[in-house]
Amino acid sequence: MSASQTAYFRNQIQRTAFLIFAILLGVDLIMVGLHVINSVVLPEKTGFLALDKERSISEYFQYFKEVAVAVGLFYLAFSKKMFGLLAWSLLFLYFFLDDAFRIHENGGRYLAETLNIQTTHVRPKDVGELLISVAAGSVAVLSFLVCYVKTKTKEFRSITHDMFFLFCLLGFFGVAVDLIHMAFENSWFFTHSLTMLEDGGELFVMSMFVAYVYQLSSDNDELWCLVNATLNKAIGYFHRKPTA
């Protein structure tokens, strides 16, 4: 393949990745709009249109994105022989299974009953859920550390940096905003505003994951290291020599 053909296919992948993100983002905004209509306009509320209810249309849309990311990373792990990506693939598969089958909720309840957990300030079920989440998180962190140390290729580490950045962004909406949400749960305005920020933010970040994983199908290494490239540009800007 000639250099011009290679550049053409790279540009096509970039454009397609942007198009995928734009379409997913448009659907995300529709989901947020339906939530607003359901909360403010409709006289009879329905959980199917709410962002924060189980088995809602937005939750099913998240299922689709979680499975798409898991399958995409699984395929790329073998097609590009970057087997460290399997750890990320399994993480998103766990996200899907946890959301769809309430693993940590049901597991937490089972642990609380089996271990006869006794608490004073929190529900035993909450302690069980925390134990399940800590166990799953520990396995994930250990897997990533092993893959990161053993896989010394620049490409894999760059992808891991990007995935970790997006994962932190997902955690910001899912954990930090959720804590603020709990503090203002008695205010109707803040409750609905923070629900849109929390759940809408999670929708947006998952759309970014889908577009990013698609972009990894490119052979252009520069498309794989968005965080590294941004940091290098910033460092280069601050360290550049002043012009005379």
Protein backbone atom coordinates (compact mmCIF):
# COMPACT_ATOMS: atom_id res chain seq x y z
CA MET A 1 0.00 0.00 0.00
CA SER A 2 1.38 3.40 -0.98
CA ALA A 3 1.91 6.26 1.45
CA SER A 4 -0.99 8.20 -0.09
CA GLN A 5 -3.34 5.21 0.31
CA THR A 6 -2.23 4.72 3.91
CA ALA A 7 -2.87 8.40 4.68
CA TYR A 8 -6.27 8.16 3.00
CA PHE A 9 -7.34 5.18 5.13
CA ARG A 10 -6.07 6.86 8.28
CA ASN A 11 -8.12 9.96 7.52
CA GLN A 12 -11.15 7.80 6.81
CA ILE A 13 -10.82 6.06 10.17
CA GLN A 14 -10.50 9.41 11.93
CA ARG A 15 -13.57 10.76 10.18
CA THR A 16 -15.55 7.60 10.88
CA ALA A 17 -14.53 7.66 14.55
CA PHE A 18 -15.68 11.28 14.79
CA LEU A 19 -18.93 10.39 13.04
CA ILE A 20 -19.53 7.49 15.44
CA PHE A 21 -18.93 9.79 18.40
CA ALA A 22 -21.20 12.49 16.94
CA ILE A 23 -24.03 9.99 16.40
CA LEU A 24 -23.67 8.48 19.87
CA LEU A 25 -23.44 11.93 21.43
CA GLY A 26 -26.62 12.95 19.59
CA VAL A 27 -28.44 9.92 20.99
CA ASP A 28 -27.06 10.73 24.45
CA LEU A 29 -28.48 14.25 24.22
CA ILE A 30 -31.84 12.80 23.17
CA MET A 31 -31.76 10.59 26.28
CA VAL A 32 -31.11 13.65 28.45
CA GLY A 33 -33.92 15.49 26.69
CA LEU A 34 -36.34 12.61 27.29
CA HIS A 35 -35.39 12.67 30.96
CA VAL A 36 -36.17 16.39 31.16
CA ILE A 37 -39.52 15.90 29.40
CA ASN A 38 -40.36 12.99 31.70
CA SER A 39 -39.40 14.95 34.83
CA VAL A 40 -40.92 18.33 33.99
CA VAL A 41 -43.57 17.98 31.27
CA LEU A 42 -45.27 14.60 31.49
CA PRO A 43 -48.04 14.43 34.11
CA GLU A 44 -47.39 10.72 34.70
CA LYS A 45 -43.71 9.87 35.13
CA THR A 46 -42.27 6.70 33.60
CA GLY A 47 -39.04 5.08 34.71
CA PHE A 48 -38.33 3.97 31.15
CA LEU A 49 -37.43 7.54 30.14
CA ALA A 50 -35.52 8.46 33.31
CA LEU A 51 -31.72 8.58 33.37
CA ASP A 52 -31.45 7.30 36.93
CA LYS A 53 -33.88 4.36 36.85
CA GLU A 54 -33.14 0.69 36.29
CA ARG A 55 -34.15 -0.86 32.96
CA SER A 56 -34.55 2.56 31.36
CA ILE A 57 -33.87 3.27 27.70
CA SER A 58 -30.64 5.10 28.59
CA GLU A 59 -29.44 2.14 30.63
CA TYR A 60 -30.04 -0.23 27.71
CA PHE A 61 -28.08 2.18 25.51
CA GLN A 62 -25.19 1.98 27.98
CA TYR A 63 -25.35 -1.82 27.79
CA PHE A 64 -24.83 -1.58 24.05
CA LYS A 65 -21.79 0.67 24.45
CA GLU A 66 -20.23 -1.44 27.19
CA VAL A 67 -20.56 -4.59 25.08
CA ALA A 68 -19.24 -2.76 21.98
CA VAL A 69 -16.12 -1.60 23.86
CA ALA A 70 -15.55 -5.06 25.39
CA VAL A 71 -15.90 -6.84 22.03
CA GLY A 72 -13.81 -4.22 20.21
CA LEU A 73 -10.94 -4.49 22.69
CA PHE A 74 -11.13 -8.30 22.60
CA TYR A 75 -10.83 -8.24 18.80
CA LEU A 76 -7.97 -5.73 18.85
CA ALA A 77 -6.07 -7.74 21.48
CA PHE A 78 -5.73 -10.61 19.00
CA SER A 79 -5.62 -8.70 15.71
CA LYS A 80 -2.80 -6.42 16.92
CA LYS A 81 -1.28 -9.01 19.29
CA MET A 82 -1.62 -6.65 22.27
CA PHE A 83 -2.94 -9.18 24.75
CA GLY A 84 -2.82 -6.67 27.58
CA LEU A 85 -5.99 -5.19 26.08
CA LEU A 86 -7.82 -8.30 27.28
CA ALA A 87 -7.69 -6.87 30.81
CA TRP A 88 -9.56 -3.76 29.63
CA SER A 89 -11.97 -5.92 27.65
CA LEU A 90 -12.79 -7.99 30.72
CA LEU A 91 -13.32 -4.83 32.78
CA PHE A 92 -15.98 -3.54 30.39
CA LEU A 93 -17.53 -7.00 30.24
CA TYR A 94 -17.80 -6.85 34.05
CA PHE A 95 -19.39 -3.39 33.81
CA PHE A 96 -22.05 -4.83 31.50
CA LEU A 97 -22.71 -7.89 33.64
CA ASP A 98 -22.81 -5.79 36.80
CA ASP A 99 -25.26 -3.29 35.30
CA ALA A 100 -27.45 -5.94 33.67
CA PHE A 101 -27.53 -8.51 36.47
CA ARG A 102 -26.84 -6.32 39.54
CA ILE A 103 -23.83 -8.40 40.57
CA HIS A 104 -22.59 -6.15 43.36
CA GLU A 105 -26.11 -5.44 44.67
CA ASN A 106 -27.19 -9.10 44.72
CA GLY A 107 -23.74 -10.27 45.82
CA GLY A 108 -23.66 -7.68 48.59
CA ARG A 109 -27.02 -8.83 49.89
CA TYR A 110 -25.87 -12.46 49.80
CA LEU A 111 -22.63 -11.66 51.65
CA ALA A 112 -24.48 -9.66 54.30
CA GLU A 113 -26.83 -12.57 54.96
CA THR A 114 -24.17 -15.31 54.73
CA LEU A 115 -21.57 -13.55 56.90
CA ASN A 116 -24.27 -12.13 59.19
CA ILE A 117 -22.75 -8.65 58.93
CA GLN A 118 -23.88 -6.39 61.78
CA THR A 119 -23.59 -2.59 61.48
CA THR A 120 -24.95 0.46 63.27
CA HIS A 121 -24.74 3.40 60.87
CA VAL A 122 -25.01 1.73 57.45
CA ARG A 123 -27.05 -1.14 56.08
CA PRO A 124 -25.37 -4.58 56.11
CA LYS A 125 -26.22 -4.80 52.40
CA ASP A 126 -24.11 -1.69 51.73
CA VAL A 127 -21.11 -3.26 53.46
CA GLY A 128 -21.55 -6.38 51.34
CA GLU A 129 -21.74 -4.28 48.16
CA LEU A 130 -18.55 -2.47 49.18
CA LEU A 131 -16.75 -5.80 49.70
CA ILE A 132 -17.81 -7.01 46.25
CA SER A 133 -16.71 -3.73 44.63
CA VAL A 134 -13.34 -3.75 46.45
CA ALA A 135 -12.73 -7.36 45.38
CA ALA A 136 -13.57 -6.61 41.73
CA GLY A 137 -11.49 -3.42 41.78
CA SER A 138 -8.51 -5.21 43.32
CA VAL A 139 -8.57 -7.89 40.61
CA ALA A 140 -8.80 -5.20 37.91
CA VAL A 141 -5.94 -3.10 39.33
CA LEU A 142 -3.71 -6.17 39.76
CA SER A 143 -4.44 -7.28 36.18
CA PHE A 144 -3.58 -3.84 34.79
CA LEU A 145 -0.35 -3.64 36.79
CA VAL A 146 0.80 -7.05 35.59
CA CYS A 147 -0.06 -6.23 31.96
CA TYR A 148 1.56 -2.79 32.17
CA VAL A 149 4.80 -4.14 33.64
CA LYS A 150 5.08 -7.21 31.40
CA THR A 151 3.97 -5.46 28.19
CA LYS A 152 6.77 -3.02 27.52
CA THR A 153 5.60 -1.76 24.12
CA LYS A 154 5.08 1.98 23.80
CA GLU A 155 1.81 1.48 21.92
CA PHE A 156 0.12 -0.55 24.65
CA ARG A 157 1.24 1.81 27.40
CA SER A 158 0.00 4.81 25.42
CA ILE A 159 -3.39 3.14 24.98
CA THR A 160 -3.48 2.33 28.69
CA HIS A 161 -2.80 5.99 29.53
CA ASP A 162 -5.70 7.07 27.33
CA MET A 163 -8.06 4.42 28.68
CA PHE A 164 -7.11 5.30 32.24
CA PHE A 165 -7.76 8.99 31.56
CA LEU A 166 -11.23 8.22 30.17
CA PHE A 167 -11.86 5.83 33.05
CA CYS A 168 -11.02 8.60 35.55
CA LEU A 169 -13.43 10.88 33.71
CA LEU A 170 -16.10 8.19 34.00
CA GLY A 171 -15.32 7.87 37.70
CA PHE A 172 -15.66 11.62 38.17
CA PHE A 173 -19.27 11.55 37.01
CA GLY A 174 -20.09 8.20 38.60
CA VAL A 175 -18.49 8.81 42.01
CA ALA A 176 -17.65 12.48 42.63
CA VAL A 177 -20.84 13.94 41.15
CA ASP A 178 -22.86 11.16 42.82
CA LEU A 179 -21.50 12.19 46.24
CA ILE A 180 -22.51 15.80 45.57
CA HIS A 181 -25.89 14.51 44.37
CA MET A 182 -26.45 12.73 47.69
CA ALA A 183 -25.73 15.94 49.60
CA PHE A 184 -28.48 17.81 47.74
CA GLU A 185 -31.06 15.02 47.45
CA ASN A 186 -33.68 17.10 49.32
CA SER A 187 -33.61 19.84 46.66
CA TRP A 188 -35.76 19.15 43.59
CA PHE A 189 -33.74 21.51 41.36
CA PHE A 190 -30.30 20.22 42.38
CA THR A 191 -31.47 16.60 42.32
CA HIS A 192 -32.60 16.79 38.70
CA SER A 193 -29.67 18.98 37.63
CA LEU A 194 -27.09 16.67 39.18
CA THR A 195 -28.88 13.60 37.79
CA MET A 196 -28.46 15.01 34.29
CA LEU A 197 -24.80 15.85 35.02
CA GLU A 198 -24.02 12.48 36.59
CA ASP A 199 -25.86 10.09 34.29
CA GLY A 200 -25.53 12.29 31.21
CA GLY A 201 -21.78 12.57 31.83
CA GLU A 202 -21.48 8.78 32.04
CA LEU A 203 -23.34 8.47 28.74
CA PHE A 204 -20.99 10.96 27.06
CA VAL A 205 -17.80 9.30 28.35
CA MET A 206 -18.95 5.84 27.24
CA SER A 207 -19.55 7.29 23.77
CA MET A 208 -15.96 8.55 23.84
CA PHE A 209 -14.79 5.04 24.74
CA VAL A 210 -16.64 3.53 21.76
CA ALA A 211 -15.19 6.06 19.29
CA TYR A 212 -11.70 5.70 20.76
CA VAL A 213 -11.72 1.91 20.54
CA TYR A 214 -12.85 2.13 16.93
CA GLN A 215 -9.98 4.53 16.22
CA LEU A 216 -7.53 1.94 17.56
CA SER A 217 -8.22 -0.10 14.43
CA SER A 218 -5.96 2.36 12.63
CA ASP A 219 -2.31 1.51 12.10
CA ASN A 220 -1.37 5.10 12.88
CA ASP A 221 0.33 5.05 16.28
CA GLU A 222 -0.33 8.78 16.71
CA LEU A 223 -4.06 8.06 17.00
CA TRP A 224 -3.41 5.72 19.91
CA CYS A 225 -1.80 8.16 22.30
CA LEU A 226 -4.15 11.10 22.71
CA VAL A 227 -3.11 11.80 26.31
CA ASN A 228 0.61 11.38 25.60
CA ALA A 229 0.40 13.58 22.51
CA THR A 230 -1.45 16.30 24.44
CA LEU A 231 1.06 16.21 27.30
CA ASN A 232 4.01 16.29 24.90
CA LYS A 233 2.55 19.30 23.11
CA ALA A 234 1.95 21.08 26.41
CA ILE A 235 5.45 20.30 27.67
CA GLY A 236 6.92 21.39 24.35
CA TYR A 237 4.96 24.66 24.52
CA PHE A 238 6.25 25.56 27.99
CA HIS A 239 9.82 24.51 27.20
CA ARG A 240 10.13 26.10 23.79
CA LYS A 241 12.79 28.74 23.40
CA PRO A 242 11.58 32.31 23.17
CA THR A 243 12.01 33.87 19.78
CA ALA A 244 14.24 36.84 19.44
